PDB file of N, CA and C in Angstrom:
ATOM      1  N   MET A   1    -206.495  52.077-167.192  1.00  0.00           N
ATOM      2  CA  MET A   1    -205.587  51.141-166.642  1.00  0.00           C
ATOM      3  C   MET A   1    -205.755  50.110-166.166  1.00  0.00           C
ATOM      4  N   ALA A   2    -206.011  48.976-167.375  1.00  0.00           N
ATOM      5  CA  ALA A   2    -206.574  47.280-166.434  1.00  0.00           C
ATOM      6  C   ALA A   2    -204.950  46.892-166.352  1.00  0.00           C
ATOM      7  N   PRO A   3    -205.542  45.582-165.607  1.00  0.00           N
ATOM      8  CA  PRO A   3    -204.619  44.717-164.656  1.00  0.00           C
ATOM      9  C   PRO A   3    -204.344  43.849-165.700  1.00  0.00           C
ATOM     10  N   ARG A   4    -202.996  43.207-165.977  1.00  0.00           N
ATOM     11  CA  ARG A   4    -202.767  41.754-166.518  1.00  0.00           C
ATOM     12  C   ARG A   4    -203.993  40.495-165.957  1.00  0.00           C
ATOM     13  N   GLU A   5    -203.522  39.288-166.554  1.00  0.00           N
ATOM     14  CA  GLU A   5    -204.058  38.559-166.007  1.00  0.00           C
ATOM     15  C   GLU A   5    -204.195  38.032-164.764  1.00  0.00           C
ATOM     16  N   ASP A   6    -202.886  38.423-163.865  1.00  0.00           N
ATOM     17  CA  ASP A   6    -202.308  37.610-163.139  1.00  0.00           C
ATOM     18  C   ASP A   6    -202.760  39.018-161.713  1.00  0.00           C
ATOM     19  N   GLY A   7    -203.489  40.084-162.103  1.00  0.00           N
ATOM     20  CA  GLY A   7    -203.620  41.030-161.304  1.00  0.00           C
ATOM     21  C   GLY A   7    -202.415  42.351-161.165  1.00  0.00           C
ATOM     22  N   SER A   8    -201.142  41.741-161.940  1.00  0.00           N
ATOM     23  CA  SER A   8    -200.687  42.662-161.652  1.00  0.00           C
ATOM     24  C   SER A   8    -200.673  43.588-163.120  1.00  0.00           C
ATOM     25  N   TYR A   9    -199.701  45.087-162.730  1.00  0.00           N
ATOM     26  CA  TYR A   9    -200.038  46.229-163.629  1.00  0.00           C
ATOM     27  C   TYR A   9    -198.412  46.258-164.257  1.00  0.00           C
ATOM     28  N   LEU A  10    -198.383  47.061-165.131  1.00  0.00           N
ATOM     29  CA  LEU A  10    -197.142  47.112-166.344  1.00  0.00           C
ATOM     30  C   LEU A  10    -196.425  48.567-165.498  1.00  0.00           C
ATOM     31  N   VAL A  11    -197.097  49.473-164.646  1.00  0.00           N
ATOM     32  CA  VAL A  11    -196.454  50.535-164.329  1.00  0.00           C
ATOM     33  C   VAL A  11    -196.504  50.176-162.654  1.00  0.00           C
ATOM     34  N   PRO A  12    -196.203  51.342-162.079  1.00  0.00           N
ATOM     35  CA  PRO A  12    -195.666  51.116-160.302  1.00  0.00           C
ATOM     36  C   PRO A  12    -196.988  51.532-159.716  1.00  0.00           C
ATOM     37  N   SER A  13    -197.385  50.950-158.456  1.00  0.00           N
ATOM     38  CA  SER A  13    -198.499  50.856-158.081  1.00  0.00           C
ATOM     39  C   SER A  13    -198.883  52.196-157.585  1.00  0.00           C
ATOM     40  N   GLN A  14    -197.767  52.945-157.208  1.00  0.00           N
ATOM     41  CA  GLN A  14    -198.680  54.402-157.413  1.00  0.00           C
ATOM     42  C   GLN A  14    -199.229  54.817-158.428  1.00  0.00           C
ATOM     43  N   PHE A  15    -198.985  54.470-159.618  1.00  0.00           N
ATOM     44  CA  PHE A  15    -199.023  55.176-160.618  1.00  0.00           C
ATOM     45  C   PHE A  15    -201.025  54.771-161.078  1.00  0.00           C
ATOM     46  N   VAL A  16    -200.718  53.483-160.625  1.00  0.00           N
ATOM     47  CA  VAL A  16    -202.379  52.655-160.633  1.00  0.00           C
ATOM     48  C   VAL A  16    -203.373  53.910-158.932  1.00  0.00           C
ATOM     49  N   GLU A  17    -202.934  54.212-158.590  1.00  0.00           N
ATOM     50  CA  GLU A  17    -203.745  54.920-157.290  1.00  0.00           C
ATOM     51  C   GLU A  17    -203.714  56.409-157.929  1.00  0.00           C
ATOM     52  N   MET A  18    -203.024  57.071-158.864  1.00  0.00           N
ATOM     53  CA  MET A  18    -202.656  58.400-158.987  1.00  0.00           C
ATOM     54  C   MET A  18    -204.005  58.320-160.288  1.00  0.00           C
ATOM     55  N   TRP A  19    -204.077  57.248-160.887  1.00  0.00           N
ATOM     56  CA  TRP A  19    -205.224  56.669-162.090  1.00  0.00           C
ATOM     57  C   TRP A  19    -206.346  57.194-161.827  1.00  0.00           C
ATOM     58  N   LYS A  20    -206.899  56.960-160.559  1.00  0.00           N
ATOM     59  CA  LYS A  20    -208.014  56.886-160.277  1.00  0.00           C
ATOM     60  C   LYS A  20    -208.619  57.782-159.354  1.00  0.00           C
ATOM     61  N   ASP A  21    -207.492  58.963-159.379  1.00  0.00           N
ATOM     62  CA  ASP A  21    -207.823  60.696-158.771  1.00  0.00           C
ATOM     63  C   ASP A  21    -208.394  61.057-160.136  1.00  0.00           C
ATOM     64  N   GLN A  22    -209.624  61.668-160.245  1.00  0.00           N
ATOM     65  CA  GLN A  22    -210.024  61.918-161.544  1.00  0.00           C
ATOM     66  C   GLN A  22    -210.382  63.411-161.600  1.00  0.00           C
ATOM     67  N   SER A  23    -210.026  63.837-160.155  1.00  0.00           N
ATOM     68  CA  SER A  23    -209.899  65.499-160.117  1.00  0.00           C
ATOM     69  C   SER A  23    -208.628  66.033-161.315  1.00  0.00           C
ATOM     70  N   ASP A  24    -210.037  67.746-161.037  1.00  0.00           N
ATOM     71  CA  ASP A  24    -209.578  68.412-162.178  1.00  0.00           C
ATOM     72  C   ASP A  24    -207.442  69.029-161.808  1.00  0.00           C
ATOM     73  N   GLY A  25    -206.775  68.730-162.856  1.00  0.00           N
ATOM     74  CA  GLY A  25    -205.536  68.133-162.227  1.00  0.00           C
ATOM     75  C   GLY A  25    -204.993  67.288-161.856  1.00  0.00           C
ATOM     76  N   GLY A  26    -205.879  66.458-161.102  1.00  0.00           N
ATOM     77  CA  GLY A  26    -205.143  65.091-160.392  1.00  0.00           C
ATOM     78  C   GLY A  26    -204.474  64.625-160.992  1.00  0.00           C
ATOM     79  N   GLY A  27    -204.218  63.100-160.333  1.00  0.00           N
ATOM     80  CA  GLY A  27    -203.334  61.803-160.954  1.00  0.00           C
ATOM     81  C   GLY A  27    -203.489  61.513-162.057  1.00  0.00           C
ATOM     82  N   ARG A  28    -204.463  60.892-162.799  1.00  0.00           N
ATOM     83  CA  ARG A  28    -205.193  60.917-163.791  1.00  0.00           C
ATOM     84  C   ARG A  28    -204.556  61.892-165.249  1.00  0.00           C
ATOM     85  N   ASP A  29    -205.091  63.105-164.740  1.00  0.00           N
ATOM     86  CA  ASP A  29    -204.318  64.273-165.567  1.00  0.00           C
ATOM     87  C   ASP A  29    -202.987  64.696-165.632  1.00  0.00           C
ATOM     88  N   GLN A  30    -202.315  63.925-164.987  1.00  0.00           N
ATOM     89  CA  GLN A  30    -200.936  63.921-164.350  1.00  0.00           C
ATOM     90  C   GLN A  30    -200.255  62.916-165.621  1.00  0.00           C
ATOM     91  N   ILE A  31    -201.229  61.881-165.278  1.00  0.00           N
ATOM     92  CA  ILE A  31    -200.337  60.825-166.399  1.00  0.00           C
ATOM     93  C   ILE A  31    -200.539  60.866-167.606  1.00  0.00           C
ATOM     94  N   LYS A  32    -201.896  61.196-167.964  1.00  0.00           N
ATOM     95  CA  LYS A  32    -201.990  61.552-169.069  1.00  0.00           C
ATOM     96  C   LYS A  32    -200.948  62.473-170.146  1.00  0.00           C
ATOM     97  N   GLN A  33    -200.628  62.804-169.439  1.00  0.00           N
ATOM     98  CA  GLN A  33    -200.004  64.868-169.404  1.00  0.00           C
ATOM     99  C   GLN A  33    -198.560  63.856-169.595  1.00  0.00           C
ATOM    100  N   LEU A  34    -197.675  62.864-169.041  1.00  0.00           N
ATOM    101  CA  LEU A  34    -196.763  62.400-168.363  1.00  0.00           C
ATOM    102  C   LEU A  34    -196.692  61.543-170.236  1.00  0.00           C
ATOM    103  N   TRP A  35    -197.848  60.576-170.825  1.00  0.00           N
ATOM    104  CA  TRP A  35    -198.104  59.759-172.108  1.00  0.00           C
ATOM    105  C   TRP A  35    -197.517  60.897-172.713  1.00  0.00           C
ATOM    106  N   ASN A  36    -198.311  61.924-172.991  1.00  0.00           N
ATOM    107  CA  ASN A  36    -198.426  62.601-173.826  1.00  0.00           C
ATOM    108  C   ASN A  36    -196.877  63.184-174.226  1.00  0.00           C
ATOM    109  N   GLN A  37    -195.918  63.561-172.781  1.00  0.00           N
ATOM    110  CA  GLN A  37    -194.634  63.755-172.763  1.00  0.00           C
ATOM    111  C   GLN A  37    -193.932  63.054-173.890  1.00  0.00           C
ATOM    112  N   VAL A  38    -194.138  61.803-173.836  1.00  0.00           N
ATOM    113  CA  VAL A  38    -193.510  60.217-174.461  1.00  0.00           C
ATOM    114  C   VAL A  38    -193.830  60.193-175.671  1.00  0.00           C
ATOM    115  N   GLY A  39    -194.171  61.063-175.779  1.00  0.00           N
ATOM    116  CA  GLY A  39    -195.312  60.653-177.821  1.00  0.00           C
ATOM    117  C   GLY A  39    -196.453  59.554-177.615  1.00  0.00           C
ATOM    118  N   GLY A  40    -196.864  58.656-176.327  1.00  0.00           N
ATOM    119  CA  GLY A  40    -197.491  57.827-176.586  1.00  0.00           C
ATOM    120  C   GLY A  40    -196.618  56.274-176.691  1.00  0.00           C
ATOM    121  N   ASP A  41    -195.331  56.379-176.684  1.00  0.00           N
ATOM    122  CA  ASP A  41    -194.405  55.426-176.608  1.00  0.00           C
ATOM    123  C   ASP A  41    -194.195  54.745-175.355  1.00  0.00           C
ATOM    124  N   LYS A  42    -195.203  53.195-175.049  1.00  0.00           N
ATOM    125  CA  LYS A  42    -195.705  52.962-173.884  1.00  0.00           C
ATOM    126  C   LYS A  42    -194.140  52.172-173.066  1.00  0.00           C
ATOM    127  N   GLU A  43    -192.643  51.795-173.983  1.00  0.00           N
ATOM    128  CA  GLU A  43    -191.681  51.960-173.218  1.00  0.00           C
ATOM    129  C   GLU A  43    -190.823  52.742-172.333  1.00  0.00           C
ATOM    130  N   ALA A  44    -191.173  53.716-173.043  1.00  0.00           N
ATOM    131  CA  ALA A  44    -190.870  54.964-172.721  1.00  0.00           C
ATOM    132  C   ALA A  44    -191.479  55.787-171.371  1.00  0.00           C
ATOM    133  N   PHE A  45    -193.265  55.211-171.620  1.00  0.00           N
ATOM    134  CA  PHE A  45    -193.779  55.676-170.500  1.00  0.00           C
ATOM    135  C   PHE A  45    -193.595  54.875-169.321  1.00  0.00           C
ATOM    136  N   LYS A  46    -193.200  53.279-169.582  1.00  0.00           N
ATOM    137  CA  LYS A  46    -192.668  52.541-168.427  1.00  0.00           C
ATOM    138  C   LYS A  46    -192.035  52.747-167.550  1.00  0.00           C
ATOM    139  N   ALA A  47    -190.582  53.274-168.614  1.00  0.00           N
ATOM    140  CA  ALA A  47    -189.167  53.615-167.950  1.00  0.00           C
ATOM    141  C   ALA A  47    -189.191  55.065-167.101  1.00  0.00           C
ATOM    142  N   THR A  48    -190.103  56.105-167.668  1.00  0.00           N
ATOM    143  CA  THR A  48    -190.497  57.104-166.820  1.00  0.00           C
ATOM    144  C   THR A  48    -191.233  57.184-165.685  1.00  0.00           C
ATOM    145  N   ALA A  49    -192.179  56.262-165.960  1.00  0.00           N
ATOM    146  CA  ALA A  49    -192.878  56.356-164.752  1.00  0.00           C
ATOM    147  C   ALA A  49    -191.949  55.879-163.472  1.00  0.00           C
ATOM    148  N   LYS A  50    -191.292  54.372-163.993  1.00  0.00           N
ATOM    149  CA  LYS A  50    -190.471  54.108-163.020  1.00  0.00           C
ATOM    150  C   LYS A  50    -189.563  54.822-162.178  1.00  0.00           C
ATOM    151  N   LYS A  51    -188.481  55.849-163.129  1.00  0.00           N
ATOM    152  CA  LYS A  51    -187.565  56.853-162.894  1.00  0.00           C
ATOM    153  C   LYS A  51    -188.325  57.481-161.566  1.00  0.00           C
ATOM    154  N   ARG A  52    -189.682  58.505-161.996  1.00  0.00           N
ATOM    155  CA  ARG A  52    -190.335  58.872-161.165  1.00  0.00           C
ATOM    156  C   ARG A  52    -190.651  58.420-159.946  1.00  0.00           C
ATOM    157  N   VAL A  53    -190.996  57.362-159.780  1.00  0.00           N
ATOM    158  CA  VAL A  53    -191.519  56.879-158.325  1.00  0.00           C
ATOM    159  C   VAL A  53    -190.195  56.385-157.577  1.00  0.00           C
ATOM    160  N   GLU A  54    -189.371  56.242-158.304  1.00  0.00           N
ATOM    161  CA  GLU A  54    -187.671  56.055-157.643  1.00  0.00           C
ATOM    162  C   GLU A  54    -187.223  57.094-157.115  1.00  0.00           C
ATOM    163  N   SER A  55    -187.238  58.150-157.826  1.00  0.00           N
ATOM    164  CA  SER A  55    -187.090  59.767-157.253  1.00  0.00           C
ATOM    165  C   SER A  55    -187.739  60.131-156.379  1.00  0.00           C
ATOM    166  N   VAL A  56    -188.862  60.051-156.324  1.00  0.00           N
ATOM    167  CA  VAL A  56    -189.643  60.540-155.407  1.00  0.00           C
ATOM    168  C   VAL A  56    -189.261  59.462-153.889  1.00  0.00           C
ATOM    169  N   GLN A  57    -189.280  58.762-153.868  1.00  0.00           N
ATOM    170  CA  GLN A  57    -189.376  57.934-152.682  1.00  0.00           C
ATOM    171  C   GLN A  57    -187.696  57.953-152.399  1.00  0.00           C
ATOM    172  N   GLU A  58    -187.415  58.206-151.253  1.00  0.00           N
ATOM    173  CA  GLU A  58    -186.061  58.488-150.669  1.00  0.00           C
ATOM    174  C   GLU A  58    -186.018  58.154-149.457  1.00  0.00           C
ATOM    175  N   SER A  59    -185.066  58.150-148.615  1.00  0.00           N
ATOM    176  CA  SER A  59    -185.290  57.403-147.512  1.00  0.00           C
ATOM    177  C   SER A  59    -183.843  58.319-146.678  1.00  0.00           C
ATOM    178  N   ASP A  60    -184.189  58.764-145.461  1.00  0.00           N
ATOM    179  CA  ASP A  60    -182.947  59.518-144.813  1.00  0.00           C
ATOM    180  C   ASP A  60    -182.520  58.525-143.592  1.00  0.00           C
ATOM    181  N   LEU A  61    -181.579  58.466-142.938  1.00  0.00           N
ATOM    182  CA  LEU A  61    -181.901  58.187-141.380  1.00  0.00           C
ATOM    183  C   LEU A  61    -180.528  58.605-141.301  1.00  0.00           C
ATOM    184  N   TRP A  62    -180.958  59.180-139.566  1.00  0.00           N
ATOM    185  CA  TRP A  62    -180.209  60.009-138.833  1.00  0.00           C
ATOM    186  C   TRP A  62    -179.663  59.104-137.704  1.00  0.00           C
ATOM    187  N   VAL A  63    -178.308  59.020-137.662  1.00  0.00           N
ATOM    188  CA  VAL A  63    -177.494  58.360-136.377  1.00  0.00           C
ATOM    189  C   VAL A  63    -177.089  59.048-135.405  1.00  0.00           C
ATOM    190  N   ASP A  64    -177.781  58.907-134.009  1.00  0.00           N
ATOM    191  CA  ASP A  64    -176.876  60.238-133.337  1.00  0.00           C
ATOM    192  C   ASP A  64    -176.159  59.559-132.287  1.00  0.00           C
ATOM    193  N   GLY A  65    -174.782  59.771-131.873  1.00  0.00           N
ATOM    194  CA  GLY A  65    -173.799  58.693-131.194  1.00  0.00           C
ATOM    195  C   GLY A  65    -172.837  59.327-130.688  1.00  0.00           C
ATOM    196  N   LYS A  66    -172.032  58.865-130.015  1.00  0.00           N
ATOM    197  CA  LYS A  66    -170.881  59.510-129.611  1.00  0.00           C
ATOM    198  C   LYS A  66    -169.769  58.723-129.641  1.00  0.00           C
ATOM    199  N   PHE A  67    -168.424  59.109-129.298  1.00  0.00           N
ATOM    200  CA  PHE A  67    -167.385  57.795-129.326  1.00  0.00           C
ATOM    201  C   PHE A  67    -166.875  57.781-127.793  1.00  0.00           C
ATOM    202  N   MET A  68    -166.592  56.975-127.422  1.00  0.00           N
ATOM    203  CA  MET A  68    -166.274  56.822-126.094  1.00  0.00           C
ATOM    204  C   MET A  68    -164.988  55.409-125.939  1.00  0.00           C
ATOM    205  N   SER A  69    -164.415  55.293-124.579  1.00  0.00           N
ATOM    206  CA  SER A  69    -163.518  55.181-124.405  1.00  0.00           C
ATOM    207  C   SER A  69    -163.927  53.009-123.979  1.00  0.00           C
ATOM    208  N   GLU A  70    -163.385  52.331-123.756  1.00  0.00           N
ATOM    209  CA  GLU A  70    -163.858  50.827-123.582  1.00  0.00           C
ATOM    210  C   GLU A  70    -164.220  50.781-122.080  1.00  0.00           C
ATOM    211  N   LYS A  71    -163.266  52.057-121.293  1.00  0.00           N
ATOM    212  CA  LYS A  71    -163.961  52.304-119.924  1.00  0.00           C
ATOM    213  C   LYS A  71    -165.039  52.866-119.780  1.00  0.00           C
ATOM    214  N   ASN A  72    -165.422  54.088-120.574  1.00  0.00           N
ATOM    215  CA  ASN A  72    -167.022  54.476-120.343  1.00  0.00           C
ATOM    216  C   ASN A  72    -167.722  53.798-121.108  1.00  0.00           C
ATOM    217  N   MET A  73    -167.404  52.952-121.791  1.00  0.00           N
ATOM    218  CA  MET A  73    -168.932  52.225-122.344  1.00  0.00           C
ATOM    219  C   MET A  73    -169.152  51.415-120.784  1.00  0.00           C
ATOM    220  N   VAL A  74    -167.848  50.581-121.000  1.00  0.00           N
ATOM    221  CA  VAL A  74    -168.821  49.623-119.669  1.00  0.00           C
ATOM    222  C   VAL A  74    -169.329  50.736-118.360  1.00  0.00           C
ATOM    223  N   GLU A  75    -168.835  51.713-118.156  1.00  0.00           N
ATOM    224  CA  GLU A  75    -169.397  52.376-117.039  1.00  0.00           C
ATOM    225  C   GLU A  75    -170.841  52.709-117.092  1.00  0.00           C
ATOM    226  N   GLU A  76    -171.137  53.513-118.368  1.00  0.00           N
ATOM    227  CA  GLU A  76    -172.444  53.415-118.669  1.00  0.00           C
ATOM    228  C   GLU A  76    -173.147  52.055-119.619  1.00  0.00           C
ATOM    229  N   GLY A  77    -172.692  50.642-118.896  1.00  0.00           N
ATOM    230  CA  GLY A  77    -173.457  50.043-119.109  1.00  0.00           C
ATOM    231  C   GLY A  77    -173.762  49.571-120.877  1.00  0.00           C
ATOM    232  N   PHE A  78    -172.496  50.000-121.759  1.00  0.00           N
ATOM    233  CA  PHE A  78    -172.535  49.380-123.127  1.00  0.00           C
ATOM    234  C   PHE A  78    -171.437  48.518-123.354  1.00  0.00           C
ATOM    235  N   GLU A  79    -171.822  47.314-124.209  1.00  0.00           N
ATOM    236  CA  GLU A  79    -171.691  46.492-124.546  1.00  0.00           C
ATOM    237  C   GLU A  79    -169.921  47.523-125.899  1.00  0.00           C
ATOM    238  N   PRO A  80    -168.345  46.964-125.252  1.00  0.00           N
ATOM    239  CA  PRO A  80    -167.755  47.616-126.480  1.00  0.00           C
ATOM    240  C   PRO A  80    -167.480  46.490-127.344  1.00  0.00           C
ATOM    241  N   LYS A  81    -168.519  45.721-128.100  1.00  0.00           N
ATOM    242  CA  LYS A  81    -167.869  44.778-128.677  1.00  0.00           C
ATOM    243  C   LYS A  81    -169.013  44.753-130.004  1.00  0.00           C
ATOM    244  N   ASP A  82    -168.434  44.493-131.152  1.00  0.00           N
ATOM    245  CA  ASP A  82    -169.989  44.916-132.276  1.00  0.00           C
ATOM    246  C   ASP A  82    -170.893  43.984-132.553  1.00  0.00           C
ATOM    247  N   ARG A  83    -171.997  44.417-132.565  1.00  0.00           N
ATOM    248  CA  ARG A  83    -173.206  44.084-132.501  1.00  0.00           C
ATOM    249  C   ARG A  83    -173.412  42.339-133.409  1.00  0.00           C
ATOM    250  N   TYR A  84    -172.794  42.671-134.332  1.00  0.00           N
ATOM    251  CA  TYR A  84    -172.778  40.923-134.866  1.00  0.00           C
ATOM    252  C   TYR A  84    -171.342  40.526-135.255  1.00  0.00           C
ATOM    253  N   GLU A  85    -170.076  41.107-134.965  1.00  0.00           N
ATOM    254  CA  GLU A  85    -169.066  40.499-135.179  1.00  0.00           C
ATOM    255  C   GLU A  85    -168.341  40.676-133.568  1.00  0.00           C
ATOM    256  N   LYS A  86    -168.442  39.786-132.721  1.00  0.00           N
ATOM    257  CA  LYS A  86    -168.222  40.126-131.240  1.00  0.00           C
ATOM    258  C   LYS A  86    -166.908  40.245-130.929  1.00  0.00           C
ATOM    259  N   HIS A  87    -165.929  40.042-132.286  1.00  0.00           N
ATOM    260  CA  HIS A  87    -164.149  39.713-132.010  1.00  0.00           C
ATOM    261  C   HIS A  87    -164.018  41.327-131.991  1.00  0.00           C
ATOM    262  N   VAL A  88    -164.848  41.935-132.827  1.00  0.00           N
ATOM    263  CA  VAL A  88    -164.262  43.342-133.034  1.00  0.00           C
ATOM    264  C   VAL A  88    -164.632  44.782-131.695  1.00  0.00           C
ATOM    265  N   ASN A  89    -163.786  45.147-131.541  1.00  0.00           N
ATOM    266  CA  ASN A  89    -163.891  45.682-130.615  1.00  0.00           C
ATOM    267  C   ASN A  89    -164.790  47.373-131.014  1.00  0.00           C
ATOM    268  N   VAL A  90    -165.281  48.185-130.709  1.00  0.00           N
ATOM    269  CA  VAL A  90    -166.528  49.203-131.299  1.00  0.00           C
ATOM    270  C   VAL A  90    -165.799  50.490-129.854  1.00  0.00           C
ATOM    271  N   TYR A  91    -165.774  51.705-130.604  1.00  0.00           N
ATOM    272  CA  TYR A  91    -166.066  52.915-129.817  1.00  0.00           C
ATOM    273  C   TYR A  91    -166.698  53.661-130.364  1.00  0.00           C
ATOM    274  N   TRP A  92    -168.125  53.541-130.666  1.00  0.00           N
ATOM    275  CA  TRP A  92    -168.951  54.300-131.301  1.00  0.00           C
ATOM    276  C   TRP A  92    -170.154  53.450-130.363  1.00  0.00           C
ATOM    277  N   VAL A  93    -170.862  54.410-129.917  1.00  0.00           N
ATOM    278  CA  VAL A  93    -172.173  54.156-129.291  1.00  0.00           C
ATOM    279  C   VAL A  93    -173.394  54.820-129.831  1.00  0.00           C
ATOM    280  N   GLU A  94    -174.437  54.134-130.109  1.00  0.00           N
ATOM    281  CA  GLU A  94    -175.512  54.780-131.244  1.00  0.00           C
ATOM    282  C   GLU A  94    -176.966  55.356-130.265  1.00  0.00           C
ATOM    283  N   GLU A  95    -176.445  56.783-129.768  1.00  0.00           N
ATOM    284  CA  GLU A  95    -178.136  57.279-129.168  1.00  0.00           C
ATOM    285  C   GLU A  95    -179.199  56.895-129.411  1.00  0.00           C
ATOM    286  N   GLN A  96    -178.927  57.614-130.776  1.00  0.00           N
ATOM    287  CA  GLN A  96    -180.809  57.514-131.278  1.00  0.00           C
ATOM    288  C   GLN A  96    -180.365  57.366-132.695  1.00  0.00           C
ATOM    289  N   MET A  97    -181.535  56.309-132.942  1.00  0.00           N
ATOM    290  CA  MET A  97    -181.363  56.167-134.906  1.00  0.00           C
ATOM    291  C   MET A  97    -183.233  57.146-134.805  1.00  0.00           C
ATOM    292  N   VAL A  98    -182.842  57.772-136.389  1.00  0.00           N
ATOM    293  CA  VAL A  98    -184.403  58.183-136.780  1.00  0.00           C
ATOM    294  C   VAL A  98    -184.207  58.057-138.428  1.00  0.00           C
ATOM    295  N   ALA A  99    -185.852  57.208-138.866  1.00  0.00           N
ATOM    296  CA  ALA A  99    -185.737  57.138-139.792  1.00  0.00           C
ATOM    297  C   ALA A  99    -186.636  57.387-140.549  1.00  0.00           C
ATOM    298  N   ALA A 100    -186.602  58.035-141.701  1.00  0.00           N
ATOM    299  CA  ALA A 100    -187.736  58.834-142.585  1.00  0.00           C
ATOM    300  C   ALA A 100    -188.145  58.505-143.976  1.00  0.00           C
ATOM    301  N   LEU A 101    -189.123  58.534-144.906  1.00  0.00           N
ATOM    302  CA  LEU A 101    -189.278  58.085-146.176  1.00  0.00           C
ATOM    303  C   LEU A 101    -189.943  59.226-146.552  1.00  0.00           C
ATOM    304  N   THR A 102    -189.036  59.770-147.359  1.00  0.00           N
ATOM    305  CA  THR A 102    -189.940  61.239-148.338  1.00  0.00           C
ATOM    306  C   THR A 102    -190.252  60.769-149.050  1.00  0.00           C
ATOM    307  N   ASN A 103    -191.048  61.759-149.863  1.00  0.00           N
ATOM    308  CA  ASN A 103    -192.356  61.790-151.106  1.00  0.00           C
ATOM    309  C   ASN A 103    -192.051  63.054-151.646  1.00  0.00           C
TER     310      ASN A 103
END
């Protein structure tokens, strides 16, 4: 798997890293298996590689919060205005936000 003249590859960077893994059943073997599955068709291989990478990388976002009245928000030190549109009142307070990228 050689890079183009500009140093980029035709496949996602994850496949380049997989290709370096020459262990038995490792990344290189998985790539060869995929190549055989698409019958050696270069375009089908690129499309399948891209789909696999996109389906493997998913992100999750959890937001914990609560609804509050304007009075309670002020009492607890929150601004009852939208962060971006100051003329809009909000009644939701985000207490915690957690994000994760899963493979």
